[in-house]
Amino acid sequence: MTTLPRTPSFRLDGRRALVTGAGRGIGLAAAAALAQAGAEVVLVARSGAEVEEAAAAIRAEGGRAEAVALDVTDLAAMRAALAARPSFDVLVNNAGSARHAHVLDVTEADYDAILDLNLRAAFFVMQAVARGMKEAGRGGSIVNLSSQMGHVGGPRRSVYCATKFAIEGMTKAAALDLAPHGIRVNTLCPTFIETPMTRPGLADPANRAWVLSKIKLGRVGQVEDLMGAVAYLASDASSLVTGTSLLVDGGWTAE
């Protein structure tokens, strides 16, 4: 009699997850996806009221969630907050921002602000969580939020693209360093997702038309489009996946 293989579980029961930039948009959706898969989730964002409301919404559905008001660019505060808590099994390293401008108009202040959050803070959050994972000895999964703009260029996005291309390289190198400890590191690379951050730009008819002309499936992404990908990368369903990118881009980078 044929013995059928069993699909690995997408469940995260008994695991602890940290999501940065979790008060709204993609971060909130990632936290919800992890909680709905059974994880205990710690939601981090600069806005205490916003992230507490998000955690309360998860708890109202029967999930387990803690809110932490924290600016991840304050590395000392970030490390202290993580040291005060048990280690994590999953990190969704999502906090990030953008200041789009023509390459000739980028200021030093814009450059420093975006690199500080999108790259420097992302690196050291990853490092701090990975240290905890190593000490706990259970392995883990780190999902660094990148972008389709970590694989292609875009107008008025030179600094943003620089950070996301860097996240791609950082992720591959970290995956090599951390593989002996059973820690997987991957990127999630969305196309334009309708969130509070992107909504103003997408409201411009010309910009929206350009976006839709590039997304081959013909629609702007919704945060729900990323939730299955987050659960997959966090869970045992992707246990042999590390050092790579999962593009959820509607075909943007296919040509």
Foldseek 3Di string as FASTA:
>chain_A
DDDDDDQFDLADAPFEEEFEPCLWFLNLLQQLLNQVSHYAYEYEYQDQVSQVVSQVVSVVVVGHYHYDNDDLLVVVVLLVVQVVDAAGQEYELEDAAADFAAPVPDDPVRLCVRCSTLPVSSVSNVVSNLVNLLVVLPAHEYEYEAAVLLVDPDGRGPSNSVSRVVVLVSFLVVQVVRVVSLYAGEYEHEAAEDIPRCVVVCVPVVSVVVSQVQQQQRDGHYSVLCSVVSSCRGGCSCSVDHSYYDYHYNCNPVD
